[in-house]
Amino acid sequence: MTFFPYLVAAYIFLVGCYGLATSRNLIHAVGCLSVCQAATYVLLLTVGYRDGGTAPVFSDIRPGSRPVVDPVVQALTLTDVVVGATVTALLLALVIQVVKRHGTADPDELRELRG
């Protein structure tokens, strides 16, 4: 196992964080947050990967005869994808409501939302 997938996950996460920090549009910020979450997909799949492993379907092989990938991590990744899509949809709906009420998606122009 190499560290390359972990570096890719960290790079994707940092790119998303940079986009969040420099974003001047709420829709862009939501997209950058989705990029940050994509790093978790890479990280989870990296954790569950095994060299030479096959899918955990035992219909044609004896259990324990060959290494298999971890099915729990794959299920967690699928759950992560669904949760990420839901959170993105919810945040985009909130951005639409903010634009309707305040007429802008620029976070700096939303002075009324500051405490």
PDB file of N, CA and C in Angstrom:
ATOM      1  N   MET A   1       0.852  -1.178   0.000  1.00  0.00           N
ATOM      2  CA  MET A   1       0.000   0.000   0.000  1.00  0.00           C
ATOM      3  C   MET A   1       0.891   1.232   0.000  1.00  0.00           C
ATOM      4  N   THR A   2       0.592   2.122  -0.876  1.00  0.00           N
ATOM      5  CA  THR A   2       1.361   3.359  -0.945  1.00  0.00           C
ATOM      6  C   THR A   2       0.595   4.480  -0.262  1.00  0.00           C
ATOM      7  N   PHE A   3       1.281   5.583  -0.087  1.00  0.00           N
ATOM      8  CA  PHE A   3       0.638   6.737   0.527  1.00  0.00           C
ATOM      9  C   PHE A   3       0.003   7.658  -0.510  1.00  0.00           C
ATOM     10  N   PHE A   4       0.148   7.303  -1.792  1.00  0.00           N
ATOM     11  CA  PHE A   4      -0.363   8.175  -2.848  1.00  0.00           C
ATOM     12  C   PHE A   4      -1.868   8.453  -2.726  1.00  0.00           C
ATOM     13  N   PRO A   5      -2.734   7.451  -2.493  1.00  0.00           N
ATOM     14  CA  PRO A   5      -4.164   7.770  -2.347  1.00  0.00           C
ATOM     15  C   PRO A   5      -4.452   8.697  -1.168  1.00  0.00           C
ATOM     16  N   TYR A   6      -3.690   8.545  -0.084  1.00  0.00           N
ATOM     17  CA  TYR A   6      -3.884   9.449   1.053  1.00  0.00           C
ATOM     18  C   TYR A   6      -3.486  10.878   0.681  1.00  0.00           C
ATOM     19  N   LEU A   7      -2.414  11.000  -0.106  1.00  0.00           N
ATOM     20  CA  LEU A   7      -2.007  12.332  -0.559  1.00  0.00           C
ATOM     21  C   LEU A   7      -3.054  12.933  -1.491  1.00  0.00           C
ATOM     22  N   VAL A   8      -3.636  12.114  -2.344  1.00  0.00           N
ATOM     23  CA  VAL A   8      -4.689  12.594  -3.248  1.00  0.00           C
ATOM     24  C   VAL A   8      -5.897  13.069  -2.436  1.00  0.00           C
ATOM     25  N   ALA A   9      -6.276  12.302  -1.414  1.00  0.00           N
ATOM     26  CA  ALA A   9      -7.403  12.703  -0.565  1.00  0.00           C
ATOM     27  C   ALA A   9      -7.102  14.020   0.156  1.00  0.00           C
ATOM     28  N   ALA A  10      -5.889  14.148   0.668  1.00  0.00           N
ATOM     29  CA  ALA A  10      -5.515  15.386   1.349  1.00  0.00           C
ATOM     30  C   ALA A  10      -5.494  16.564   0.365  1.00  0.00           C
ATOM     31  N   TYR A  11      -4.995  16.319  -0.847  1.00  0.00           N
ATOM     32  CA  TYR A  11      -4.946  17.396  -1.848  1.00  0.00           C
ATOM     33  C   TYR A  11      -6.356  17.850  -2.229  1.00  0.00           C
ATOM     34  N   ILE A  12      -7.252  16.898  -2.450  1.00  0.00           N
ATOM     35  CA  ILE A  12      -8.633  17.254  -2.802  1.00  0.00           C
ATOM     36  C   ILE A  12      -9.277  18.041  -1.665  1.00  0.00           C
ATOM     37  N   PHE A  13      -9.022  17.610  -0.427  1.00  0.00           N
ATOM     38  CA  PHE A  13      -9.586  18.311   0.717  1.00  0.00           C
ATOM     39  C   PHE A  13      -9.041  19.738   0.818  1.00  0.00           C
ATOM     40  N   LEU A  14      -7.739  19.886   0.612  1.00  0.00           N
ATOM     41  CA  LEU A  14      -7.142  21.226   0.704  1.00  0.00           C
ATOM     42  C   LEU A  14      -7.611  22.137  -0.422  1.00  0.00           C
ATOM     43  N   VAL A  15      -7.784  21.591  -1.615  1.00  0.00           N
ATOM     44  CA  VAL A  15      -8.303  22.395  -2.727  1.00  0.00           C
ATOM     45  C   VAL A  15      -9.713  22.883  -2.399  1.00  0.00           C
ATOM     46  N   GLY A  16     -10.534  22.000  -1.836  1.00  0.00           N
ATOM     47  CA  GLY A  16     -11.880  22.412  -1.437  1.00  0.00           C
ATOM     48  C   GLY A  16     -11.865  23.465  -0.346  1.00  0.00           C
ATOM     49  N   CYS A  17     -10.974  23.305   0.631  1.00  0.00           N
ATOM     50  CA  CYS A  17     -10.858  24.303   1.707  1.00  0.00           C
ATOM     51  C   CYS A  17     -10.386  25.644   1.164  1.00  0.00           C
ATOM     52  N   TYR A  18      -9.449  25.617   0.224  1.00  0.00           N
ATOM     53  CA  TYR A  18      -8.980  26.873  -0.376  1.00  0.00           C
ATOM     54  C   TYR A  18     -10.127  27.570  -1.101  1.00  0.00           C
ATOM     55  N   GLY A  19     -10.922  26.796  -1.827  1.00  0.00           N
ATOM     56  CA  GLY A  19     -12.075  27.365  -2.513  1.00  0.00           C
ATOM     57  C   GLY A  19     -13.078  27.953  -1.543  1.00  0.00           C
ATOM     58  N   LEU A  20     -13.282  27.272  -0.414  1.00  0.00           N
ATOM     59  CA  LEU A  20     -14.205  27.803   0.596  1.00  0.00           C
ATOM     60  C   LEU A  20     -13.691  29.116   1.177  1.00  0.00           C
ATOM     61  N   ALA A  21     -12.390  29.173   1.430  1.00  0.00           N
ATOM     62  CA  ALA A  21     -11.821  30.364   2.055  1.00  0.00           C
ATOM     63  C   ALA A  21     -11.806  31.555   1.110  1.00  0.00           C
ATOM     64  N   THR A  22     -11.690  31.325  -0.176  1.00  0.00           N
ATOM     65  CA  THR A  22     -11.581  32.435  -1.129  1.00  0.00           C
ATOM     66  C   THR A  22     -12.858  32.684  -1.913  1.00  0.00           C
ATOM     67  N   SER A  23     -13.916  31.995  -1.611  1.00  0.00           N
ATOM     68  CA  SER A  23     -15.150  32.098  -2.398  1.00  0.00           C
ATOM     69  C   SER A  23     -15.847  33.435  -2.162  1.00  0.00           C
ATOM     70  N   ARG A  24     -16.336  34.036  -3.211  1.00  0.00           N
ATOM     71  CA  ARG A  24     -17.117  35.273  -3.143  1.00  0.00           C
ATOM     72  C   ARG A  24     -18.543  35.029  -3.592  1.00  0.00           C
ATOM     73  N   ASN A  25     -18.948  33.763  -3.667  1.00  0.00           N
ATOM     74  CA  ASN A  25     -20.297  33.421  -4.083  1.00  0.00           C
ATOM     75  C   ASN A  25     -20.729  32.196  -3.279  1.00  0.00           C
ATOM     76  N   LEU A  26     -21.944  32.234  -2.765  1.00  0.00           N
ATOM     77  CA  LEU A  26     -22.399  31.134  -1.921  1.00  0.00           C
ATOM     78  C   LEU A  26     -22.550  29.834  -2.699  1.00  0.00           C
ATOM     79  N   ILE A  27     -22.943  29.924  -3.967  1.00  0.00           N
ATOM     80  CA  ILE A  27     -23.068  28.703  -4.784  1.00  0.00           C
ATOM     81  C   ILE A  27     -21.691  28.083  -4.995  1.00  0.00           C
ATOM     82  N   HIS A  28     -20.702  28.917  -5.228  1.00  0.00           N
ATOM     83  CA  HIS A  28     -19.327  28.427  -5.366  1.00  0.00           C
ATOM     84  C   HIS A  28     -18.862  27.788  -4.064  1.00  0.00           C
ATOM     85  N   ALA A  29     -19.244  28.375  -2.940  1.00  0.00           N
ATOM     86  CA  ALA A  29     -18.854  27.815  -1.646  1.00  0.00           C
ATOM     87  C   ALA A  29     -19.477  26.436  -1.432  1.00  0.00           C
ATOM     88  N   VAL A  30     -20.724  26.276  -1.849  1.00  0.00           N
ATOM     89  CA  VAL A  30     -21.369  24.964  -1.716  1.00  0.00           C
ATOM     90  C   VAL A  30     -20.644  23.941  -2.596  1.00  0.00           C
ATOM     91  N   GLY A  31     -20.262  24.345  -3.803  1.00  0.00           N
ATOM     92  CA  GLY A  31     -19.499  23.448  -4.676  1.00  0.00           C
ATOM     93  C   GLY A  31     -18.163  23.061  -4.069  1.00  0.00           C
ATOM     94  N   CYS A  32     -17.494  24.024  -3.435  1.00  0.00           N
ATOM     95  CA  CYS A  32     -16.214  23.736  -2.796  1.00  0.00           C
ATOM     96  C   CYS A  32     -16.395  22.799  -1.602  1.00  0.00           C
ATOM     97  N   LEU A  33     -17.507  22.951  -0.886  1.00  0.00           N
ATOM     98  CA  LEU A  33     -17.792  22.038   0.216  1.00  0.00           C
ATOM     99  C   LEU A  33     -17.999  20.618  -0.308  1.00  0.00           C
ATOM    100  N   SER A  34     -18.621  20.495  -1.469  1.00  0.00           N
ATOM    101  CA  SER A  34     -18.791  19.173  -2.086  1.00  0.00           C
ATOM    102  C   SER A  34     -17.446  18.574  -2.484  1.00  0.00           C
ATOM    103  N   VAL A  35     -16.527  19.421  -2.931  1.00  0.00           N
ATOM    104  CA  VAL A  35     -15.184  18.937  -3.261  1.00  0.00           C
ATOM    105  C   VAL A  35     -14.490  18.420  -1.993  1.00  0.00           C
ATOM    106  N   CYS A  36     -14.656  19.144  -0.887  1.00  0.00           N
ATOM    107  CA  CYS A  36     -14.082  18.677   0.381  1.00  0.00           C
ATOM    108  C   CYS A  36     -14.643  17.309   0.750  1.00  0.00           C
ATOM    109  N   GLN A  37     -15.920  17.138   0.541  1.00  0.00           N
ATOM    110  CA  GLN A  37     -16.519  15.855   0.889  1.00  0.00           C
ATOM    111  C   GLN A  37     -16.059  14.750  -0.060  1.00  0.00           C
ATOM    112  N   ALA A  38     -15.732  15.091  -1.297  1.00  0.00           N
ATOM    113  CA  ALA A  38     -15.228  14.081  -2.231  1.00  0.00           C
ATOM    114  C   ALA A  38     -13.914  13.490  -1.734  1.00  0.00           C
ATOM    115  N   ALA A  39     -13.181  14.249  -0.954  1.00  0.00           N
ATOM    116  CA  ALA A  39     -11.941  13.713  -0.382  1.00  0.00           C
ATOM    117  C   ALA A  39     -12.241  12.554   0.555  1.00  0.00           C
ATOM    118  N   THR A  40     -13.378  12.593   1.221  1.00  0.00           N
ATOM    119  CA  THR A  40     -13.714  11.484   2.116  1.00  0.00           C
ATOM    120  C   THR A  40     -14.011  10.216   1.330  1.00  0.00           C
ATOM    121  N   TYR A  41     -14.541  10.347   0.104  1.00  0.00           N
ATOM    122  CA  TYR A  41     -14.772   9.157  -0.720  1.00  0.00           C
ATOM    123  C   TYR A  41     -13.445   8.473  -1.019  1.00  0.00           C
ATOM    124  N   VAL A  42     -12.476   9.265  -1.433  1.00  0.00           N
ATOM    125  CA  VAL A  42     -11.166   8.707  -1.765  1.00  0.00           C
ATOM    126  C   VAL A  42     -10.533   8.080  -0.527  1.00  0.00           C
ATOM    127  N   LEU A  43     -10.658   8.762   0.597  1.00  0.00           N
ATOM    128  CA  LEU A  43     -10.066   8.247   1.835  1.00  0.00           C
ATOM    129  C   LEU A  43     -10.717   6.931   2.257  1.00  0.00           C
ATOM    130  N   LEU A  44     -12.045   6.871   2.213  1.00  0.00           N
ATOM    131  CA  LEU A  44     -12.731   5.641   2.617  1.00  0.00           C
ATOM    132  C   LEU A  44     -12.392   4.479   1.684  1.00  0.00           C
ATOM    133  N   LEU A  45     -12.370   4.735   0.386  1.00  0.00           N
ATOM    134  CA  LEU A  45     -12.048   3.660  -0.550  1.00  0.00           C
ATOM    135  C   LEU A  45     -10.596   3.212  -0.400  1.00  0.00           C
ATOM    136  N   THR A  46      -9.719   4.135  -0.033  1.00  0.00           N
ATOM    137  CA  THR A  46      -8.323   3.772   0.204  1.00  0.00           C
ATOM    138  C   THR A  46      -8.193   2.882   1.432  1.00  0.00           C
ATOM    139  N   VAL A  47      -8.943   3.194   2.458  1.00  0.00           N
ATOM    140  CA  VAL A  47      -8.879   2.394   3.682  1.00  0.00           C
ATOM    141  C   VAL A  47      -9.379   0.969   3.416  1.00  0.00           C
ATOM    142  N   GLY A  48     -10.409   0.829   2.596  1.00  0.00           N
ATOM    143  CA  GLY A  48     -10.980  -0.492   2.354  1.00  0.00           C
ATOM    144  C   GLY A  48     -10.302  -1.290   1.263  1.00  0.00           C
ATOM    145  N   TYR A  49      -9.358  -0.702   0.540  1.00  0.00           N
ATOM    146  CA  TYR A  49      -8.720  -1.388  -0.579  1.00  0.00           C
ATOM    147  C   TYR A  49      -7.707  -2.419  -0.082  1.00  0.00           C
ATOM    148  N   ARG A  50      -7.681  -3.567  -0.756  1.00  0.00           N
ATOM    149  CA  ARG A  50      -6.670  -4.590  -0.471  1.00  0.00           C
ATOM    150  C   ARG A  50      -6.065  -5.020  -1.789  1.00  0.00           C
ATOM    151  N   ASP A  51      -4.729  -5.122  -1.831  1.00  0.00           N
ATOM    152  CA  ASP A  51      -4.053  -5.573  -3.053  1.00  0.00           C
ATOM    153  C   ASP A  51      -4.503  -6.987  -3.404  1.00  0.00           C
ATOM    154  N   GLY A  52      -4.912  -7.182  -4.645  1.00  0.00           N
ATOM    155  CA  GLY A  52      -5.330  -8.499  -5.099  1.00  0.00           C
ATOM    156  C   GLY A  52      -6.687  -8.922  -4.596  1.00  0.00           C
ATOM    157  N   GLY A  53      -7.384  -8.034  -3.896  1.00  0.00           N
ATOM    158  CA  GLY A  53      -8.683  -8.371  -3.347  1.00  0.00           C
ATOM    159  C   GLY A  53      -9.770  -8.351  -4.408  1.00  0.00           C
ATOM    160  N   THR A  54     -10.784  -9.144  -4.197  1.00  0.00           N
ATOM    161  CA  THR A  54     -11.918  -9.176  -5.116  1.00  0.00           C
ATOM    162  C   THR A  54     -13.153  -8.653  -4.401  1.00  0.00           C
ATOM    163  N   ALA A  55     -14.224  -8.540  -5.150  1.00  0.00           N
ATOM    164  CA  ALA A  55     -15.493  -8.112  -4.555  1.00  0.00           C
ATOM    165  C   ALA A  55     -15.949  -9.168  -3.549  1.00  0.00           C
ATOM    166  N   PRO A  56     -16.576  -8.754  -2.468  1.00  0.00           N
ATOM    167  CA  PRO A  56     -16.973  -9.720  -1.433  1.00  0.00           C
ATOM    168  C   PRO A  56     -18.224 -10.511  -1.809  1.00  0.00           C
ATOM    169  N   VAL A  57     -18.192 -11.175  -2.941  1.00  0.00           N
ATOM    170  CA  VAL A  57     -19.282 -12.041  -3.368  1.00  0.00           C
ATOM    171  C   VAL A  57     -18.711 -13.452  -3.395  1.00  0.00           C
ATOM    172  N   PHE A  58     -19.262 -14.334  -2.591  1.00  0.00           N
ATOM    173  CA  PHE A  58     -18.691 -15.659  -2.415  1.00  0.00           C
ATOM    174  C   PHE A  58     -19.454 -16.727  -3.190  1.00  0.00           C
ATOM    175  N   SER A  59     -20.076 -16.375  -4.291  1.00  0.00           N
ATOM    176  CA  SER A  59     -20.850 -17.370  -5.017  1.00  0.00           C
ATOM    177  C   SER A  59     -19.955 -18.318  -5.820  1.00  0.00           C
ATOM    178  N   ASP A  60     -18.806 -17.844  -6.295  1.00  0.00           N
ATOM    179  CA  ASP A  60     -17.964 -18.686  -7.122  1.00  0.00           C
ATOM    180  C   ASP A  60     -16.630 -19.059  -6.477  1.00  0.00           C
ATOM    181  N   ILE A  61     -16.345 -18.543  -5.273  1.00  0.00           N
ATOM    182  CA  ILE A  61     -15.089 -18.879  -4.596  1.00  0.00           C
ATOM    183  C   ILE A  61     -15.395 -19.331  -3.178  1.00  0.00           C
ATOM    184  N   ARG A  62     -14.487 -20.123  -2.620  1.00  0.00           N
ATOM    185  CA  ARG A  62     -14.649 -20.544  -1.235  1.00  0.00           C
ATOM    186  C   ARG A  62     -14.306 -19.375  -0.311  1.00  0.00           C
ATOM    187  N   PRO A  63     -15.060 -19.193   0.772  1.00  0.00           N
ATOM    188  CA  PRO A  63     -14.719 -18.137   1.728  1.00  0.00           C
ATOM    189  C   PRO A  63     -13.336 -18.374   2.332  1.00  0.00           C
ATOM    190  N   GLY A  64     -12.530 -17.349   2.318  1.00  0.00           N
ATOM    191  CA  GLY A  64     -11.189 -17.424   2.887  1.00  0.00           C
ATOM    192  C   GLY A  64     -10.132 -17.880   1.910  1.00  0.00           C
ATOM    193  N   SER A  65     -10.495 -18.258   0.698  1.00  0.00           N
ATOM    194  CA  SER A  65      -9.500 -18.737  -0.258  1.00  0.00           C
ATOM    195  C   SER A  65      -8.752 -17.598  -0.933  1.00  0.00           C
ATOM    196  N   ARG A  66      -9.402 -16.450  -1.085  1.00  0.00           N
ATOM    197  CA  ARG A  66      -8.763 -15.274  -1.696  1.00  0.00           C
ATOM    198  C   ARG A  66      -9.091 -14.043  -0.858  1.00  0.00           C
ATOM    199  N   PRO A  67      -8.214 -13.059  -0.887  1.00  0.00           N
ATOM    200  CA  PRO A  67      -8.534 -11.834  -0.134  1.00  0.00           C
ATOM    201  C   PRO A  67      -9.679 -11.078  -0.807  1.00  0.00           C
ATOM    202  N   VAL A  68     -10.515 -10.471   0.008  1.00  0.00           N
ATOM    203  CA  VAL A  68     -11.623  -9.665  -0.501  1.00  0.00           C
ATOM    204  C   VAL A  68     -11.517  -8.267   0.089  1.00  0.00           C
ATOM    205  N   VAL A  69     -12.087  -7.321  -0.603  1.00  0.00           N
ATOM    206  CA  VAL A  69     -12.102  -5.956  -0.091  1.00  0.00           C
ATOM    207  C   VAL A  69     -13.144  -5.864   1.010  1.00  0.00           C
ATOM    208  N   ASP A  70     -13.012  -4.831   1.846  1.00  0.00           N
ATOM    209  CA  ASP A  70     -13.903  -4.675   2.986  1.00  0.00           C
ATOM    210  C   ASP A  70     -15.257  -4.123   2.514  1.00  0.00           C
ATOM    211  N   PRO A  71     -16.339  -4.878   2.651  1.00  0.00           N
ATOM    212  CA  PRO A  71     -17.634  -4.385   2.177  1.00  0.00           C
ATOM    213  C   PRO A  71     -18.220  -3.286   3.059  1.00  0.00           C
ATOM    214  N   VAL A  72     -17.805  -3.215   4.305  1.00  0.00           N
ATOM    215  CA  VAL A  72     -18.332  -2.181   5.201  1.00  0.00           C
ATOM    216  C   VAL A  72     -17.870  -0.802   4.732  1.00  0.00           C
ATOM    217  N   VAL A  73     -16.627  -0.718   4.317  1.00  0.00           N
ATOM    218  CA  VAL A  73     -16.104   0.575   3.856  1.00  0.00           C
ATOM    219  C   VAL A  73     -16.801   0.998   2.566  1.00  0.00           C
ATOM    220  N   GLN A  74     -17.079   0.042   1.697  1.00  0.00           N
ATOM    221  CA  GLN A  74     -17.815   0.376   0.469  1.00  0.00           C
ATOM    222  C   GLN A  74     -19.218   0.869   0.803  1.00  0.00           C
ATOM    223  N   ALA A  75     -19.863   0.242   1.773  1.00  0.00           N
ATOM    224  CA  ALA A  75     -21.202   0.689   2.179  1.00  0.00           C
ATOM    225  C   ALA A  75     -21.142   2.079   2.803  1.00  0.00           C
ATOM    226  N   LEU A  76     -20.099   2.330   3.590  1.00  0.00           N
ATOM    227  CA  LEU A  76     -19.943   3.666   4.178  1.00  0.00           C
ATOM    228  C   LEU A  76     -19.730   4.718   3.093  1.00  0.00           C
ATOM    229  N   THR A  77     -18.989   4.361   2.058  1.00  0.00           N
ATOM    230  CA  THR A  77     -18.752   5.306   0.961  1.00  0.00           C
ATOM    231  C   THR A  77     -20.058   5.618   0.233  1.00  0.00           C
ATOM    232  N   LEU A  78     -20.855   4.596  -0.016  1.00  0.00           N
ATOM    233  CA  LEU A  78     -22.148   4.845  -0.657  1.00  0.00           C
ATOM    234  C   LEU A  78     -23.042   5.714   0.225  1.00  0.00           C
ATOM    235  N   THR A  79     -23.024   5.466   1.520  1.00  0.00           N
ATOM    236  CA  THR A  79     -23.785   6.305   2.443  1.00  0.00           C
ATOM    237  C   THR A  79     -23.262   7.729   2.418  1.00  0.00           C
ATOM    238  N   ASP A  80     -21.951   7.877   2.341  1.00  0.00           N
ATOM    239  CA  ASP A  80     -21.332   9.196   2.280  1.00  0.00           C
ATOM    240  C   ASP A  80     -21.767   9.939   1.015  1.00  0.00           C
ATOM    241  N   VAL A  81     -21.851   9.240  -0.081  1.00  0.00           N
ATOM    242  CA  VAL A  81     -22.293   9.867  -1.334  1.00  0.00           C
ATOM    243  C   VAL A  81     -23.733  10.364  -1.205  1.00  0.00           C
ATOM    244  N   VAL A  82     -24.588   9.538  -0.624  1.00  0.00           N
ATOM    245  CA  VAL A  82     -25.997   9.927  -0.479  1.00  0.00           C
ATOM    246  C   VAL A  82     -26.131  11.117   0.472  1.00  0.00           C
ATOM    247  N   VAL A  83     -25.435  11.061   1.592  1.00  0.00           N
ATOM    248  CA  VAL A  83     -25.493  12.174   2.547  1.00  0.00           C
ATOM    249  C   VAL A  83     -24.919  13.438   1.913  1.00  0.00           C
ATOM    250  N   GLY A  84     -23.847  13.303   1.164  1.00  0.00           N
ATOM    251  CA  GLY A  84     -23.253  14.468   0.510  1.00  0.00           C
ATOM    252  C   GLY A  84     -24.193  15.104  -0.500  1.00  0.00           C
ATOM    253  N   ALA A  85     -24.876  14.289  -1.276  1.00  0.00           N
ATOM    254  CA  ALA A  85     -25.825  14.829  -2.247  1.00  0.00           C
ATOM    255  C   ALA A  85     -26.986  15.527  -1.541  1.00  0.00           C
ATOM    256  N   THR A  86     -27.424  14.961  -0.431  1.00  0.00           N
ATOM    257  CA  THR A  86     -28.530  15.568   0.323  1.00  0.00           C
ATOM    258  C   THR A  86     -28.109  16.902   0.926  1.00  0.00           C
ATOM    259  N   VAL A  87     -26.934  16.930   1.526  1.00  0.00           N
ATOM    260  CA  VAL A  87     -26.445  18.180   2.138  1.00  0.00           C
ATOM    261  C   VAL A  87     -26.251  19.248   1.064  1.00  0.00           C
ATOM    262  N   THR A  88     -25.715  18.868  -0.087  1.00  0.00           N
ATOM    263  CA  THR A  88     -25.516  19.832  -1.170  1.00  0.00           C
ATOM    264  C   THR A  88     -26.849  20.383  -1.649  1.00  0.00           C
ATOM    265  N   ALA A  89     -27.836  19.529  -1.812  1.00  0.00           N
ATOM    266  CA  ALA A  89     -29.158  19.990  -2.247  1.00  0.00           C
ATOM    267  C   ALA A  89     -29.769  20.931  -1.215  1.00  0.00           C
ATOM    268  N   LEU A  90     -29.639  20.600   0.060  1.00  0.00           N
ATOM    269  CA  LEU A  90     -30.176  21.456   1.114  1.00  0.00           C
ATOM    270  C   LEU A  90     -29.475  22.817   1.134  1.00  0.00           C
ATOM    271  N   LEU A  91     -28.151  22.812   1.019  1.00  0.00           N
ATOM    272  CA  LEU A  91     -27.423  24.081   1.028  1.00  0.00           C
ATOM    273  C   LEU A  91     -27.754  24.933  -0.200  1.00  0.00           C
ATOM    274  N   LEU A  92     -27.907  24.301  -1.349  1.00  0.00           N
ATOM    275  CA  LEU A  92     -28.285  25.076  -2.538  1.00  0.00           C
ATOM    276  C   LEU A  92     -29.685  25.656  -2.391  1.00  0.00           C
ATOM    277  N   ALA A  93     -30.597  24.920  -1.756  1.00  0.00           N
ATOM    278  CA  ALA A  93     -31.932  25.467  -1.495  1.00  0.00           C
ATOM    279  C   ALA A  93     -31.856  26.668  -0.557  1.00  0.00           C
ATOM    280  N   LEU A  94     -30.974  26.589   0.449  1.00  0.00           N
ATOM    281  CA  LEU A  94     -30.796  27.730   1.352  1.00  0.00           C
ATOM    282  C   LEU A  94     -30.205  28.928   0.617  1.00  0.00           C
ATOM    283  N   VAL A  95     -29.281  28.683  -0.290  1.00  0.00           N
ATOM    284  CA  VAL A  95     -28.692  29.781  -1.073  1.00  0.00           C
ATOM    285  C   VAL A  95     -29.770  30.441  -1.933  1.00  0.00           C
ATOM    286  N   ILE A  96     -30.635  29.655  -2.512  1.00  0.00           N
ATOM    287  CA  ILE A  96     -31.720  30.226  -3.325  1.00  0.00           C
ATOM    288  C   ILE A  96     -32.609  31.125  -2.461  1.00  0.00           C
ATOM    289  N   GLN A  97     -32.919  30.688  -1.255  1.00  0.00           N
ATOM    290  CA  GLN A  97     -33.752  31.509  -0.372  1.00  0.00           C
ATOM    291  C   GLN A  97     -33.019  32.785   0.040  1.00  0.00           C
ATOM    292  N   VAL A  98     -31.720  32.699   0.277  1.00  0.00           N
ATOM    293  CA  VAL A  98     -30.945  33.898   0.634  1.00  0.00           C
ATOM    294  C   VAL A  98     -30.935  34.874  -0.528  1.00  0.00           C
ATOM    295  N   VAL A  99     -30.761  34.377  -1.746  1.00  0.00           N
ATOM    296  CA  VAL A  99     -30.749  35.254  -2.920  1.00  0.00           C
ATOM    297  C   VAL A  99     -32.126  35.886  -3.126  1.00  0.00           C
ATOM    298  N   LYS A 100     -33.183  35.143  -2.884  1.00  0.00           N
ATOM    299  CA  LYS A 100     -34.529  35.716  -3.025  1.00  0.00           C
ATOM    300  C   LYS A 100     -34.772  36.826  -2.007  1.00  0.00           C
ATOM    301  N   ARG A 101     -34.311  36.633  -0.777  1.00  0.00           N
ATOM    302  CA  ARG A 101     -34.568  37.630   0.271  1.00  0.00           C
ATOM    303  C   ARG A 101     -33.642  38.833   0.201  1.00  0.00           C
ATOM    304  N   HIS A 102     -32.370  38.599  -0.134  1.00  0.00           N
ATOM    305  CA  HIS A 102     -31.391  39.679  -0.073  1.00  0.00           C
ATOM    306  C   HIS A 102     -30.889  40.133  -1.428  1.00  0.00           C
ATOM    307  N   GLY A 103     -31.182  39.383  -2.472  1.00  0.00           N
ATOM    308  CA  GLY A 103     -30.810  39.802  -3.814  1.00  0.00           C
ATOM    309  C   GLY A 103     -29.355  39.610  -4.183  1.00  0.00           C
ATOM    310  N   THR A 104     -28.599  38.899  -3.359  1.00  0.00           N
ATOM    311  CA  THR A 104     -27.192  38.665  -3.679  1.00  0.00           C
ATOM    312  C   THR A 104     -26.746  37.323  -3.101  1.00  0.00           C
ATOM    313  N   ALA A 105     -25.727  36.767  -3.737  1.00  0.00           N
ATOM    314  CA  ALA A 105     -25.120  35.538  -3.223  1.00  0.00           C
ATOM    315  C   ALA A 105     -23.709  35.796  -2.729  1.00  0.00           C
ATOM    316  N   ASP A 106     -23.321  37.068  -2.638  1.00  0.00           N
ATOM    317  CA  ASP A 106     -21.994  37.426  -2.139  1.00  0.00           C
ATOM    318  C   ASP A 106     -22.025  37.474  -0.613  1.00  0.00           C
ATOM    319  N   PRO A 107     -21.224  36.671   0.077  1.00  0.00           N
ATOM    320  CA  PRO A 107     -21.267  36.659   1.537  1.00  0.00           C
ATOM    321  C   PRO A 107     -20.876  37.996   2.160  1.00  0.00           C
ATOM    322  N   ASP A 108     -20.041  38.770   1.491  1.00  0.00           N
ATOM    323  CA  ASP A 108     -19.641  40.058   2.055  1.00  0.00           C
ATOM    324  C   ASP A 108     -20.769  41.083   2.017  1.00  0.00           C
ATOM    325  N   GLU A 109     -21.696  40.944   1.092  1.00  0.00           N
ATOM    326  CA  GLU A 109     -22.802  41.891   1.001  1.00  0.00           C
ATOM    327  C   GLU A 109     -23.975  41.524   1.903  1.00  0.00           C
ATOM    328  N   LEU A 110     -23.898  40.408   2.570  1.00  0.00           N
ATOM    329  CA  LEU A 110     -24.978  39.980   3.464  1.00  0.00           C
ATOM    330  C   LEU A 110     -24.695  40.472   4.874  1.00  0.00           C
ATOM    331  N   ARG A 111     -24.701  41.774   5.054  1.00  0.00           N
ATOM    332  CA  ARG A 111     -24.379  42.374   6.351  1.00  0.00           C
ATOM    333  C   ARG A 111     -25.459  42.088   7.399  1.00  0.00           C
ATOM    334  N   GLU A 112     -26.697  41.869   6.952  1.00  0.00           N
ATOM    335  CA  GLU A 112     -27.780  41.619   7.902  1.00  0.00           C
ATOM    336  C   GLU A 112     -27.628  40.284   8.611  1.00  0.00           C
ATOM    337  N   LEU A 113     -26.892  39.363   8.024  1.00  0.00           N
ATOM    338  CA  LEU A 113     -26.720  38.045   8.635  1.00  0.00           C
ATOM    339  C   LEU A 113     -25.591  38.027   9.650  1.00  0.00           C
ATOM    340  N   ARG A 114     -24.814  39.101   9.730  1.00  0.00           N
ATOM    341  CA  ARG A 114     -23.716  39.151  10.704  1.00  0.00           C
ATOM    342  C   ARG A 114     -24.254  39.436  12.100  1.00  0.00           C
ATOM    343  N   GLY A 115     -23.585  38.888  13.087  1.00  0.00           N
ATOM    344  CA  GLY A 115     -24.043  39.053  14.462  1.00  0.00           C
ATOM    345  C   GLY A 115     -23.647  40.333  15.093  1.00  0.00           C
TER     346      GLY A 115
END
